[in-house]
Amino acid sequence: MGFTVTQSRGPGTDDHLVTVKVHLTLAETNTLFLAGDTLVSWPPAESYSDASASGPEAAPASAGSPGVHGLAPLRTGIFVSELARLAHGIKIGYRQASEAERAAHVLRLQLRRAGIEEEG
């Protein structure tokens, strides 16, 4: 059972991405779900997902709207069991590095409080 939270630069000059992945076995996911799944959230900004088709759905960005990888803004929270099912995790986009750093910090705290250890 573990998680990773990483920060990187996005495709645009002002894009900062936070990638969150949770690694749980099927048994750990079932135990978590039955014990009362934890909802983690992140500060609202320009949030985007690069998740698999079974994850949060992304709509095409409308004309003139900012976007990373051409995706429109998505939600600001996800259940840990749902996040664990996403092989590539989620990517959350921010325009300011400080916003991305804050989001990464908040997500790490929430995942640790859920009893999941950071990998690496």
PDB file of N, CA and C in Angstrom:
ATOM      1  N   MET A   1       0.860  -1.162   0.000  1.00  0.00           N
ATOM      2  CA  MET A   1       0.000   0.000   0.000  1.00  0.00           C
ATOM      3  C   MET A   1       0.906   1.223   0.000  1.00  0.00           C
ATOM      4  N   GLY A   2       0.711   2.115  -0.965  1.00  0.00           N
ATOM      5  CA  GLY A   2       1.526   3.305  -1.024  1.00  0.00           C
ATOM      6  C   GLY A   2       0.985   4.321  -2.015  1.00  0.00           C
ATOM      7  N   PHE A   3       1.592   5.504  -2.013  1.00  0.00           N
ATOM      8  CA  PHE A   3       1.187   6.547  -2.947  1.00  0.00           C
ATOM      9  C   PHE A   3       2.398   7.335  -3.399  1.00  0.00           C
ATOM     10  N   THR A   4       2.229   8.008  -4.543  1.00  0.00           N
ATOM     11  CA  THR A   4       3.219   8.959  -5.021  1.00  0.00           C
ATOM     12  C   THR A   4       2.509  10.245  -5.406  1.00  0.00           C
ATOM     13  N   VAL A   5       3.144  11.347  -5.105  1.00  0.00           N
ATOM     14  CA  VAL A   5       2.692  12.672  -5.536  1.00  0.00           C
ATOM     15  C   VAL A   5       3.916  13.342  -6.143  1.00  0.00           C
ATOM     16  N   THR A   6       3.842  13.659  -7.419  1.00  0.00           N
ATOM     17  CA  THR A   6       4.970  14.288  -8.093  1.00  0.00           C
ATOM     18  C   THR A   6       4.537  15.586  -8.759  1.00  0.00           C
ATOM     19  N   GLN A   7       5.493  16.478  -8.928  1.00  0.00           N
ATOM     20  CA  GLN A   7       5.263  17.749  -9.614  1.00  0.00           C
ATOM     21  C   GLN A   7       6.136  17.786 -10.861  1.00  0.00           C
ATOM     22  N   SER A   8       5.583  18.339 -11.924  1.00  0.00           N
ATOM     23  CA  SER A   8       6.341  18.478 -13.160  1.00  0.00           C
ATOM     24  C   SER A   8       5.818  19.669 -13.933  1.00  0.00           C
ATOM     25  N   ARG A   9       6.535  20.025 -14.966  1.00  0.00           N
ATOM     26  CA  ARG A   9       6.096  21.103 -15.850  1.00  0.00           C
ATOM     27  C   ARG A   9       5.179  20.520 -16.904  1.00  0.00           C
ATOM     28  N   GLY A  10       4.134  21.253 -17.238  1.00  0.00           N
ATOM     29  CA  GLY A  10       3.207  20.820 -18.268  1.00  0.00           C
ATOM     30  C   GLY A  10       3.691  21.239 -19.638  1.00  0.00           C
ATOM     31  N   PRO A  11       2.871  21.011 -20.658  1.00  0.00           N
ATOM     32  CA  PRO A  11       3.274  21.324 -22.024  1.00  0.00           C
ATOM     33  C   PRO A  11       3.397  22.825 -22.299  1.00  0.00           C
ATOM     34  N   GLY A  12       2.648  23.635 -21.575  1.00  0.00           N
ATOM     35  CA  GLY A  12       2.728  25.087 -21.760  1.00  0.00           C
ATOM     36  C   GLY A  12       3.793  25.694 -20.859  1.00  0.00           C
ATOM     37  N   THR A  13       4.204  26.897 -21.171  1.00  0.00           N
ATOM     38  CA  THR A  13       5.263  27.543 -20.393  1.00  0.00           C
ATOM     39  C   THR A  13       4.831  27.847 -18.966  1.00  0.00           C
ATOM     40  N   ASP A  14       3.526  28.018 -18.734  1.00  0.00           N
ATOM     41  CA  ASP A  14       3.046  28.337 -17.390  1.00  0.00           C
ATOM     42  C   ASP A  14       2.302  27.185 -16.728  1.00  0.00           C
ATOM     43  N   ASP A  15       2.432  25.984 -17.250  1.00  0.00           N
ATOM     44  CA  ASP A  15       1.696  24.846 -16.711  1.00  0.00           C
ATOM     45  C   ASP A  15       2.530  24.087 -15.683  1.00  0.00           C
ATOM     46  N   HIS A  16       1.911  23.807 -14.551  1.00  0.00           N
ATOM     47  CA  HIS A  16       2.543  23.021 -13.489  1.00  0.00           C
ATOM     48  C   HIS A  16       1.591  21.889 -13.151  1.00  0.00           C
ATOM     49  N   LEU A  17       2.074  20.655 -13.233  1.00  0.00           N
ATOM     50  CA  LEU A  17       1.235  19.488 -13.021  1.00  0.00           C
ATOM     51  C   LEU A  17       1.581  18.785 -11.714  1.00  0.00           C
ATOM     52  N   VAL A  18       0.545  18.325 -11.037  1.00  0.00           N
ATOM     53  CA  VAL A  18       0.686  17.468  -9.869  1.00  0.00           C
ATOM     54  C   VAL A  18       0.078  16.127 -10.265  1.00  0.00           C
ATOM     55  N   THR A  19       0.876  15.072 -10.193  1.00  0.00           N
ATOM     56  CA  THR A  19       0.398  13.736 -10.525  1.00  0.00           C
ATOM     57  C   THR A  19       0.272  12.933  -9.240  1.00  0.00           C
ATOM     58  N   VAL A  20      -0.887  12.313  -9.041  1.00  0.00           N
ATOM     59  CA  VAL A  20      -1.164  11.541  -7.835  1.00  0.00           C
ATOM     60  C   VAL A  20      -1.513  10.113  -8.242  1.00  0.00           C
ATOM     61  N   LYS A  21      -0.801   9.150  -7.633  1.00  0.00           N
ATOM     62  CA  LYS A  21      -1.077   7.733  -7.868  1.00  0.00           C
ATOM     63  C   LYS A  21      -1.151   7.026  -6.527  1.00  0.00           C
ATOM     64  N   VAL A  22      -2.107   6.128  -6.401  1.00  0.00           N
ATOM     65  CA  VAL A  22      -2.234   5.300  -5.200  1.00  0.00           C
ATOM     66  C   VAL A  22      -2.127   3.855  -5.642  1.00  0.00           C
ATOM     67  N   HIS A  23      -1.279   3.103  -4.946  1.00  0.00           N
ATOM     68  CA  HIS A  23      -1.041   1.699  -5.280  1.00  0.00           C
ATOM     69  C   HIS A  23      -1.573   0.826  -4.150  1.00  0.00           C
ATOM     70  N   LEU A  24      -2.696   0.158  -4.402  1.00  0.00           N
ATOM     71  CA  LEU A  24      -3.294  -0.746  -3.427  1.00  0.00           C
ATOM     72  C   LEU A  24      -3.590  -2.073  -4.113  1.00  0.00           C
ATOM     73  N   THR A  25      -3.479  -3.157  -3.355  1.00  0.00           N
ATOM     74  CA  THR A  25      -3.911  -4.442  -3.883  1.00  0.00           C
ATOM     75  C   THR A  25      -5.435  -4.453  -3.894  1.00  0.00           C
ATOM     76  N   LEU A  26      -6.005  -5.421  -4.559  1.00  0.00           N
ATOM     77  CA  LEU A  26      -7.458  -5.528  -4.592  1.00  0.00           C
ATOM     78  C   LEU A  26      -8.010  -5.725  -3.183  1.00  0.00           C
ATOM     79  N   ALA A  27      -7.326  -6.534  -2.383  1.00  0.00           N
ATOM     80  CA  ALA A  27      -7.752  -6.769  -0.996  1.00  0.00           C
ATOM     81  C   ALA A  27      -7.693  -5.469  -0.184  1.00  0.00           C
ATOM     82  N   GLU A  28      -6.629  -4.680  -0.363  1.00  0.00           N
ATOM     83  CA  GLU A  28      -6.499  -3.407   0.365  1.00  0.00           C
ATOM     84  C   GLU A  28      -7.591  -2.424  -0.082  1.00  0.00           C
ATOM     85  N   THR A  29      -7.880  -2.403  -1.374  1.00  0.00           N
ATOM     86  CA  THR A  29      -8.936  -1.521  -1.885  1.00  0.00           C
ATOM     87  C   THR A  29     -10.289  -1.916  -1.308  1.00  0.00           C
ATOM     88  N   ASN A  30     -10.579  -3.216  -1.271  1.00  0.00           N
ATOM     89  CA  ASN A  30     -11.852  -3.679  -0.710  1.00  0.00           C
ATOM     90  C   ASN A  30     -11.967  -3.345   0.770  1.00  0.00           C
ATOM     91  N   THR A  31     -10.884  -3.553   1.518  1.00  0.00           N
ATOM     92  CA  THR A  31     -10.880  -3.237   2.948  1.00  0.00           C
ATOM     93  C   THR A  31     -11.126  -1.745   3.164  1.00  0.00           C
ATOM     94  N   LEU A  32     -10.443  -0.915   2.385  1.00  0.00           N
ATOM     95  CA  LEU A  32     -10.615   0.533   2.485  1.00  0.00           C
ATOM     96  C   LEU A  32     -12.056   0.923   2.185  1.00  0.00           C
ATOM     97  N   PHE A  33     -12.614   0.380   1.127  1.00  0.00           N
ATOM     98  CA  PHE A  33     -13.976   0.708   0.726  1.00  0.00           C
ATOM     99  C   PHE A  33     -14.976   0.306   1.813  1.00  0.00           C
ATOM    100  N   LEU A  34     -14.825  -0.899   2.357  1.00  0.00           N
ATOM    101  CA  LEU A  34     -15.756  -1.385   3.373  1.00  0.00           C
ATOM    102  C   LEU A  34     -15.615  -0.644   4.703  1.00  0.00           C
ATOM    103  N   ALA A  35     -14.429  -0.098   4.975  1.00  0.00           N
ATOM    104  CA  ALA A  35     -14.188   0.630   6.220  1.00  0.00           C
ATOM    105  C   ALA A  35     -14.675   2.080   6.144  1.00  0.00           C
ATOM    106  N   GLY A  36     -15.122   2.505   4.974  1.00  0.00           N
ATOM    107  CA  GLY A  36     -15.552   3.895   4.806  1.00  0.00           C
ATOM    108  C   GLY A  36     -14.487   4.643   4.041  1.00  0.00           C
ATOM    109  N   ASP A  37     -14.577   4.565   2.754  1.00  0.00           N
ATOM    110  CA  ASP A  37     -13.579   5.138   1.847  1.00  0.00           C
ATOM    111  C   ASP A  37     -13.297   6.604   2.173  1.00  0.00           C
ATOM    112  N   THR A  38     -12.058   7.009   1.993  1.00  0.00           N
ATOM    113  CA  THR A  38     -11.635   8.379   2.265  1.00  0.00           C
ATOM    114  C   THR A  38     -11.711   9.212   0.993  1.00  0.00           C
ATOM    115  N   LEU A  39     -12.278  10.386   1.118  1.00  0.00           N
ATOM    116  CA  LEU A  39     -12.325  11.336   0.006  1.00  0.00           C
ATOM    117  C   LEU A  39     -11.160  12.304   0.160  1.00  0.00           C
ATOM    118  N   VAL A  40     -10.313  12.389  -0.863  1.00  0.00           N
ATOM    119  CA  VAL A  40      -9.236  13.377  -0.853  1.00  0.00           C
ATOM    120  C   VAL A  40      -9.604  14.478  -1.836  1.00  0.00           C
ATOM    121  N   SER A  41      -9.191  15.682  -1.515  1.00  0.00           N
ATOM    122  CA  SER A  41      -9.499  16.819  -2.383  1.00  0.00           C
ATOM    123  C   SER A  41      -8.258  17.680  -2.526  1.00  0.00           C
ATOM    124  N   TRP A  42      -8.309  18.555  -3.500  1.00  0.00           N
ATOM    125  CA  TRP A  42      -7.187  19.430  -3.763  1.00  0.00           C
ATOM    126  C   TRP A  42      -7.708  20.831  -4.006  1.00  0.00           C
ATOM    127  N   PRO A  43      -6.864  21.839  -3.823  1.00  0.00           N
ATOM    128  CA  PRO A  43      -7.293  23.226  -4.031  1.00  0.00           C
ATOM    129  C   PRO A  43      -7.784  23.434  -5.463  1.00  0.00           C
ATOM    130  N   PRO A  44      -8.907  24.102  -5.626  1.00  0.00           N
ATOM    131  CA  PRO A  44      -9.421  24.323  -6.980  1.00  0.00           C
ATOM    132  C   PRO A  44      -8.481  25.186  -7.801  1.00  0.00           C
ATOM    133  N   ALA A  45      -8.356  24.835  -9.006  1.00  0.00           N
ATOM    134  CA  ALA A  45      -7.574  25.580  -9.991  1.00  0.00           C
ATOM    135  C   ALA A  45      -7.991  25.022 -11.326  1.00  0.00           C
ATOM    136  N   GLU A  46      -7.087  24.966 -12.244  1.00  0.00           N
ATOM    137  CA  GLU A  46      -7.373  24.349 -13.524  1.00  0.00           C
ATOM    138  C   GLU A  46      -6.989  22.888 -13.406  1.00  0.00           C
ATOM    139  N   SER A  47      -7.936  22.058 -13.010  1.00  0.00           N
ATOM    140  CA  SER A  47      -7.673  20.652 -12.738  1.00  0.00           C
ATOM    141  C   SER A  47      -7.996  19.811 -13.952  1.00  0.00           C
ATOM    142  N   TYR A  48      -7.094  18.904 -14.280  1.00  0.00           N
ATOM    143  CA  TYR A  48      -7.257  18.083 -15.461  1.00  0.00           C
ATOM    144  C   TYR A  48      -6.884  16.657 -15.125  1.00  0.00           C
ATOM    145  N   SER A  49      -7.490  15.727 -15.806  1.00  0.00           N
ATOM    146  CA  SER A  49      -7.203  14.322 -15.577  1.00  0.00           C
ATOM    147  C   SER A  49      -6.560  13.717 -16.809  1.00  0.00           C
ATOM    148  N   ASP A  50      -5.607  12.848 -16.571  1.00  0.00           N
ATOM    149  CA  ASP A  50      -5.021  12.061 -17.642  1.00  0.00           C
ATOM    150  C   ASP A  50      -5.246  10.598 -17.264  1.00  0.00           C
ATOM    151  N   ALA A  51      -6.449  10.330 -16.738  1.00  0.00           N
ATOM    152  CA  ALA A  51      -6.768   9.009 -16.222  1.00  0.00           C
ATOM    153  C   ALA A  51      -7.286   8.102 -17.334  1.00  0.00           C
ATOM    154  N   SER A  52      -7.369   6.827 -17.010  1.00  0.00           N
ATOM    155  CA  SER A  52      -7.894   5.863 -17.976  1.00  0.00           C
ATOM    156  C   SER A  52      -9.380   6.091 -18.170  1.00  0.00           C
ATOM    157  N   ALA A  53      -9.961   5.395 -19.133  1.00  0.00           N
ATOM    158  CA  ALA A  53     -11.375   5.586 -19.458  1.00  0.00           C
ATOM    159  C   ALA A  53     -12.286   5.276 -18.282  1.00  0.00           C
ATOM    160  N   SER A  54     -11.831   4.468 -17.336  1.00  0.00           N
ATOM    161  CA  SER A  54     -12.673   4.131 -16.190  1.00  0.00           C
ATOM    162  C   SER A  54     -12.637   5.209 -15.118  1.00  0.00           C
ATOM    163  N   GLY A  55     -11.805   6.210 -15.317  1.00  0.00           N
ATOM    164  CA  GLY A  55     -11.678   7.264 -14.319  1.00  0.00           C
ATOM    165  C   GLY A  55     -12.541   8.461 -14.635  1.00  0.00           C
ATOM    166  N   PRO A  56     -12.227   9.602 -14.024  1.00  0.00           N
ATOM    167  CA  PRO A  56     -13.006  10.812 -14.250  1.00  0.00           C
ATOM    168  C   PRO A  56     -13.037  11.162 -15.732  1.00  0.00           C
ATOM    169  N   GLU A  57     -14.186  11.519 -16.210  1.00  0.00           N
ATOM    170  CA  GLU A  57     -14.342  11.825 -17.627  1.00  0.00           C
ATOM    171  C   GLU A  57     -13.928  13.264 -17.900  1.00  0.00           C
ATOM    172  N   ALA A  58     -13.284  13.469 -19.025  1.00  0.00           N
ATOM    173  CA  ALA A  58     -12.828  14.799 -19.408  1.00  0.00           C
ATOM    174  C   ALA A  58     -13.567  15.252 -20.654  1.00  0.00           C
ATOM    175  N   ALA A  59     -14.014  16.473 -20.632  1.00  0.00           N
ATOM    176  CA  ALA A  59     -14.694  17.043 -21.788  1.00  0.00           C
ATOM    177  C   ALA A  59     -13.716  17.915 -22.549  1.00  0.00           C
ATOM    178  N   PRO A  60     -13.902  18.072 -23.854  1.00  0.00           N
ATOM    179  CA  PRO A  60     -13.015  18.942 -24.618  1.00  0.00           C
ATOM    180  C   PRO A  60     -13.102  20.383 -24.103  1.00  0.00           C
ATOM    181  N   ALA A  61     -11.981  21.066 -24.098  1.00  0.00           N
ATOM    182  CA  ALA A  61     -11.960  22.458 -23.664  1.00  0.00           C
ATOM    183  C   ALA A  61     -12.719  23.311 -24.679  1.00  0.00           C
ATOM    184  N   SER A  62     -13.464  24.272 -24.186  1.00  0.00           N
ATOM    185  CA  SER A  62     -14.193  25.152 -25.092  1.00  0.00           C
ATOM    186  C   SER A  62     -13.247  26.220 -25.631  1.00  0.00           C
ATOM    187  N   ALA A  63     -13.659  26.846 -26.697  1.00  0.00           N
ATOM    188  CA  ALA A  63     -12.814  27.871 -27.330  1.00  0.00           C
ATOM    189  C   ALA A  63     -12.483  28.965 -26.327  1.00  0.00           C
ATOM    190  N   GLY A  64     -11.232  29.288 -26.250  1.00  0.00           N
ATOM    191  CA  GLY A  64     -10.801  30.369 -25.365  1.00  0.00           C
ATOM    192  C   GLY A  64     -10.572  29.962 -23.929  1.00  0.00           C
ATOM    193  N   SER A  65     -10.926  28.727 -23.564  1.00  0.00           N
ATOM    194  CA  SER A  65     -10.709  28.324 -22.177  1.00  0.00           C
ATOM    195  C   SER A  65      -9.323  27.711 -22.032  1.00  0.00           C
ATOM    196  N   PRO A  66      -8.662  27.975 -20.905  1.00  0.00           N
ATOM    197  CA  PRO A  66      -7.338  27.405 -20.710  1.00  0.00           C
ATOM    198  C   PRO A  66      -7.454  25.902 -20.542  1.00  0.00           C
ATOM    199  N   GLY A  67      -6.433  25.179 -20.917  1.00  0.00           N
ATOM    200  CA  GLY A  67      -6.484  23.737 -20.749  1.00  0.00           C
ATOM    201  C   GLY A  67      -5.120  23.104 -20.902  1.00  0.00           C
ATOM    202  N   VAL A  68      -4.938  21.998 -20.239  1.00  0.00           N
ATOM    203  CA  VAL A  68      -3.737  21.206 -20.379  1.00  0.00           C
ATOM    204  C   VAL A  68      -4.149  19.982 -21.177  1.00  0.00           C
ATOM    205  N   HIS A  69      -3.413  19.663 -22.214  1.00  0.00           N
ATOM    206  CA  HIS A  69      -3.725  18.532 -23.083  1.00  0.00           C
ATOM    207  C   HIS A  69      -5.118  18.652 -23.678  1.00  0.00           C
ATOM    208  N   GLY A  70      -5.669  19.872 -23.783  1.00  0.00           N
ATOM    209  CA  GLY A  70      -6.961  20.087 -24.408  1.00  0.00           C
ATOM    210  C   GLY A  70      -8.144  19.608 -23.597  1.00  0.00           C
ATOM    211  N   LEU A  71      -7.976  19.434 -22.291  1.00  0.00           N
ATOM    212  CA  LEU A  71      -9.073  18.967 -21.456  1.00  0.00           C
ATOM    213  C   LEU A  71      -9.652  20.107 -20.639  1.00  0.00           C
ATOM    214  N   ALA A  72     -10.945  20.034 -20.413  1.00  0.00           N
ATOM    215  CA  ALA A  72     -11.650  21.068 -19.643  1.00  0.00           C
ATOM    216  C   ALA A  72     -11.492  20.802 -18.142  1.00  0.00           C
ATOM    217  N   PRO A  73     -11.758  21.800 -17.305  1.00  0.00           N
ATOM    218  CA  PRO A  73     -11.658  21.629 -15.855  1.00  0.00           C
ATOM    219  C   PRO A  73     -12.541  20.492 -15.354  1.00  0.00           C
ATOM    220  N   LEU A  74     -12.051  19.778 -14.358  1.00  0.00           N
ATOM    221  CA  LEU A  74     -12.776  18.666 -13.762  1.00  0.00           C
ATOM    222  C   LEU A  74     -13.036  18.927 -12.295  1.00  0.00           C
ATOM    223  N   ARG A  75     -13.373  17.897 -11.587  1.00  0.00           N
ATOM    224  CA  ARG A  75     -13.708  18.001 -10.173  1.00  0.00           C
ATOM    225  C   ARG A  75     -12.485  18.254  -9.300  1.00  0.00           C
ATOM    226  N   THR A  76     -12.731  18.440  -8.000  1.00  0.00           N
ATOM    227  CA  THR A  76     -11.640  18.739  -7.068  1.00  0.00           C
ATOM    228  C   THR A  76     -11.555  17.728  -5.932  1.00  0.00           C
ATOM    229  N   GLY A  77     -12.028  16.517  -6.158  1.00  0.00           N
ATOM    230  CA  GLY A  77     -11.932  15.475  -5.148  1.00  0.00           C
ATOM    231  C   GLY A  77     -12.164  14.111  -5.749  1.00  0.00           C
ATOM    232  N   ILE A  78     -11.658  13.077  -5.048  1.00  0.00           N
ATOM    233  CA  ILE A  78     -11.800  11.699  -5.526  1.00  0.00           C
ATOM    234  C   ILE A  78     -11.658  10.763  -4.330  1.00  0.00           C
ATOM    235  N   PHE A  79     -12.402   9.667  -4.347  1.00  0.00           N
ATOM    236  CA  PHE A  79     -12.251   8.661  -3.307  1.00  0.00           C
ATOM    237  C   PHE A  79     -10.952   7.894  -3.538  1.00  0.00           C
ATOM    238  N   VAL A  80     -10.292   7.518  -2.440  1.00  0.00           N
ATOM    239  CA  VAL A  80      -9.009   6.823  -2.540  1.00  0.00           C
ATOM    240  C   VAL A  80      -9.155   5.512  -3.313  1.00  0.00           C
ATOM    241  N   SER A  81     -10.241   4.769  -3.081  1.00  0.00           N
ATOM    242  CA  SER A  81     -10.420   3.501  -3.798  1.00  0.00           C
ATOM    243  C   SER A  81     -10.566   3.739  -5.298  1.00  0.00           C
ATOM    244  N   GLU A  82     -11.208   4.824  -5.681  1.00  0.00           N
ATOM    245  CA  GLU A  82     -11.348   5.165  -7.093  1.00  0.00           C
ATOM    246  C   GLU A  82      -9.991   5.543  -7.687  1.00  0.00           C
ATOM    247  N   LEU A  83      -9.228   6.339  -6.952  1.00  0.00           N
ATOM    248  CA  LEU A  83      -7.900   6.738  -7.394  1.00  0.00           C
ATOM    249  C   LEU A  83      -6.992   5.523  -7.560  1.00  0.00           C
ATOM    250  N   ALA A  84      -7.114   4.559  -6.661  1.00  0.00           N
ATOM    251  CA  ALA A  84      -6.287   3.345  -6.732  1.00  0.00           C
ATOM    252  C   ALA A  84      -6.578   2.534  -7.994  1.00  0.00           C
ATOM    253  N   ARG A  85      -7.794   2.630  -8.519  1.00  0.00           N
ATOM    254  CA  ARG A  85      -8.149   1.883  -9.737  1.00  0.00           C
ATOM    255  C   ARG A  85      -7.592   2.521 -11.000  1.00  0.00           C
ATOM    256  N   LEU A  86      -7.109   3.751 -10.920  1.00  0.00           N
ATOM    257  CA  LEU A  86      -6.598   4.459 -12.092  1.00  0.00           C
ATOM    258  C   LEU A  86      -5.099   4.190 -12.233  1.00  0.00           C
ATOM    259  N   ALA A  87      -4.733   3.386 -13.204  1.00  0.00           N
ATOM    260  CA  ALA A  87      -3.337   2.970 -13.380  1.00  0.00           C
ATOM    261  C   ALA A  87      -2.383   4.151 -13.509  1.00  0.00           C
ATOM    262  N   HIS A  88      -2.811   5.207 -14.162  1.00  0.00           N
ATOM    263  CA  HIS A  88      -1.954   6.371 -14.370  1.00  0.00           C
ATOM    264  C   HIS A  88      -2.240   7.482 -13.368  1.00  0.00           C
ATOM    265  N   GLY A  89      -3.131   7.230 -12.415  1.00  0.00           N
ATOM    266  CA  GLY A  89      -3.476   8.241 -11.434  1.00  0.00           C
ATOM    267  C   GLY A  89      -4.205   9.403 -12.079  1.00  0.00           C
ATOM    268  N   ILE A  90      -4.085  10.565 -11.457  1.00  0.00           N
ATOM    269  CA  ILE A  90      -4.676  11.781 -12.009  1.00  0.00           C
ATOM    270  C   ILE A  90      -3.607  12.855 -12.099  1.00  0.00           C
ATOM    271  N   LYS A  91      -3.790  13.760 -13.034  1.00  0.00           N
ATOM    272  CA  LYS A  91      -2.915  14.921 -13.184  1.00  0.00           C
ATOM    273  C   LYS A  91      -3.769  16.159 -12.973  1.00  0.00           C
ATOM    274  N   ILE A  92      -3.269  17.036 -12.114  1.00  0.00           N
ATOM    275  CA  ILE A  92      -3.978  18.277 -11.795  1.00  0.00           C
ATOM    276  C   ILE A  92      -3.112  19.431 -12.260  1.00  0.00           C
ATOM    277  N   GLY A  93      -3.661  20.301 -13.077  1.00  0.00           N
ATOM    278  CA  GLY A  93      -2.885  21.388 -13.661  1.00  0.00           C
ATOM    279  C   GLY A  93      -3.098  22.714 -12.961  1.00  0.00           C
ATOM    280  N   TYR A  94      -2.015  23.427 -12.755  1.00  0.00           N
ATOM    281  CA  TYR A  94      -2.041  24.759 -12.146  1.00  0.00           C
ATOM    282  C   TYR A  94      -1.205  25.712 -12.975  1.00  0.00           C
ATOM    283  N   ARG A  95      -1.541  26.988 -12.913  1.00  0.00           N
ATOM    284  CA  ARG A  95      -0.769  28.003 -13.626  1.00  0.00           C
ATOM    285  C   ARG A  95       0.419  28.493 -12.809  1.00  0.00           C
ATOM    286  N   GLN A  96       0.322  28.434 -11.496  1.00  0.00           N
ATOM    287  CA  GLN A  96       1.394  28.919 -10.625  1.00  0.00           C
ATOM    288  C   GLN A  96       2.085  27.744  -9.941  1.00  0.00           C
ATOM    289  N   ALA A  97       3.409  27.778  -9.880  1.00  0.00           N
ATOM    290  CA  ALA A  97       4.165  26.722  -9.199  1.00  0.00           C
ATOM    291  C   ALA A  97       3.775  26.636  -7.729  1.00  0.00           C
ATOM    292  N   SER A  98       3.509  27.779  -7.104  1.00  0.00           N
ATOM    293  CA  SER A  98       3.139  27.787  -5.689  1.00  0.00           C
ATOM    294  C   SER A  98       1.811  27.069  -5.452  1.00  0.00           C
ATOM    295  N   GLU A  99       0.875  27.186  -6.398  1.00  0.00           N
ATOM    296  CA  GLU A  99      -0.402  26.472  -6.285  1.00  0.00           C
ATOM    297  C   GLU A  99      -0.183  24.962  -6.387  1.00  0.00           C
ATOM    298  N   ALA A 100       0.683  24.551  -7.304  1.00  0.00           N
ATOM    299  CA  ALA A 100       0.985  23.131  -7.467  1.00  0.00           C
ATOM    300  C   ALA A 100       1.662  22.576  -6.213  1.00  0.00           C
ATOM    301  N   GLU A 101       2.581  23.337  -5.635  1.00  0.00           N
ATOM    302  CA  GLU A 101       3.258  22.912  -4.412  1.00  0.00           C
ATOM    303  C   GLU A 101       2.268  22.764  -3.269  1.00  0.00           C
ATOM    304  N   ARG A 102       1.346  23.712  -3.152  1.00  0.00           N
ATOM    305  CA  ARG A 102       0.326  23.662  -2.097  1.00  0.00           C
ATOM    306  C   ARG A 102      -0.562  22.437  -2.287  1.00  0.00           C
ATOM    307  N   ALA A 103      -0.998  22.189  -3.517  1.00  0.00           N
ATOM    308  CA  ALA A 103      -1.854  21.038  -3.800  1.00  0.00           C
ATOM    309  C   ALA A 103      -1.136  19.732  -3.465  1.00  0.00           C
ATOM    310  N   ALA A 104       0.129  19.620  -3.845  1.00  0.00           N
ATOM    311  CA  ALA A 104       0.908  18.413  -3.556  1.00  0.00           C
ATOM    312  C   ALA A 104       1.011  18.195  -2.045  1.00  0.00           C
ATOM    313  N   HIS A 105       1.242  19.255  -1.307  1.00  0.00           N
ATOM    314  CA  HIS A 105       1.345  19.168   0.156  1.00  0.00           C
ATOM    315  C   HIS A 105       0.017  18.704   0.764  1.00  0.00           C
ATOM    316  N   VAL A 106      -1.081  19.303   0.330  1.00  0.00           N
ATOM    317  CA  VAL A 106      -2.415  18.959   0.852  1.00  0.00           C
ATOM    318  C   VAL A 106      -2.741  17.496   0.552  1.00  0.00           C
ATOM    319  N   LEU A 107      -2.444  17.052  -0.656  1.00  0.00           N
ATOM    320  CA  LEU A 107      -2.730  15.667  -1.029  1.00  0.00           C
ATOM    321  C   LEU A 107      -1.889  14.686  -0.217  1.00  0.00           C
ATOM    322  N   ARG A 108      -0.612  15.001  -0.011  1.00  0.00           N
ATOM    323  CA  ARG A 108       0.246  14.126   0.805  1.00  0.00           C
ATOM    324  C   ARG A 108      -0.309  13.989   2.223  1.00  0.00           C
ATOM    325  N   LEU A 109      -0.705  15.107   2.816  1.00  0.00           N
ATOM    326  CA  LEU A 109      -1.253  15.066   4.178  1.00  0.00           C
ATOM    327  C   LEU A 109      -2.499  14.196   4.250  1.00  0.00           C
ATOM    328  N   GLN A 110      -3.399  14.363   3.304  1.00  0.00           N
ATOM    329  CA  GLN A 110      -4.646  13.595   3.321  1.00  0.00           C
ATOM    330  C   GLN A 110      -4.409  12.097   3.134  1.00  0.00           C
ATOM    331  N   LEU A 111      -3.499  11.745   2.238  1.00  0.00           N
ATOM    332  CA  LEU A 111      -3.224  10.332   2.006  1.00  0.00           C
ATOM    333  C   LEU A 111      -2.526   9.699   3.203  1.00  0.00           C
ATOM    334  N   ARG A 112      -1.644  10.440   3.858  1.00  0.00           N
ATOM    335  CA  ARG A 112      -0.999   9.923   5.075  1.00  0.00           C
ATOM    336  C   ARG A 112      -2.033   9.722   6.177  1.00  0.00           C
ATOM    337  N   ARG A 113      -2.969  10.674   6.315  1.00  0.00           N
ATOM    338  CA  ARG A 113      -4.030  10.547   7.326  1.00  0.00           C
ATOM    339  C   ARG A 113      -4.929   9.353   7.046  1.00  0.00           C
ATOM    340  N   ALA A 114      -5.028   8.959   5.784  1.00  0.00           N
ATOM    341  CA  ALA A 114      -5.825   7.777   5.416  1.00  0.00           C
ATOM    342  C   ALA A 114      -5.068   6.486   5.705  1.00  0.00           C
ATOM    343  N   GLY A 115      -3.834   6.605   6.207  1.00  0.00           N
ATOM    344  CA  GLY A 115      -3.039   5.432   6.554  1.00  0.00           C
ATOM    345  C   GLY A 115      -2.227   4.859   5.422  1.00  0.00           C
ATOM    346  N   ILE A 116      -2.000   5.658   4.386  1.00  0.00           N
ATOM    347  CA  ILE A 116      -1.221   5.208   3.227  1.00  0.00           C
ATOM    348  C   ILE A 116       0.141   5.876   3.284  1.00  0.00           C
ATOM    349  N   GLU A 117       1.180   5.077   3.108  1.00  0.00           N
ATOM    350  CA  GLU A 117       2.551   5.588   3.185  1.00  0.00           C
ATOM    351  C   GLU A 117       3.026   6.082   1.814  1.00  0.00           C
ATOM    352  N   GLU A 118       3.832   7.131   1.840  1.00  0.00           N
ATOM    353  CA  GLU A 118       4.410   7.639   0.589  1.00  0.00           C
ATOM    354  C   GLU A 118       5.547   6.719   0.150  1.00  0.00           C
ATOM    355  N   GLU A 119       5.561   6.412  -1.130  1.00  0.00           N
ATOM    356  CA  GLU A 119       6.612   5.557  -1.698  1.00  0.00           C
ATOM    357  C   GLU A 119       7.806   6.408  -2.086  1.00  0.00           C
ATOM    358  N   GLY A 120       8.955   5.788  -2.101  1.00  0.00           N
ATOM    359  CA  GLY A 120      10.145   6.474  -2.591  1.00  0.00           C
ATOM    360  C   GLY A 120      10.891   7.097  -1.537  1.00  0.00           C
TER     361      GLY A 120
END
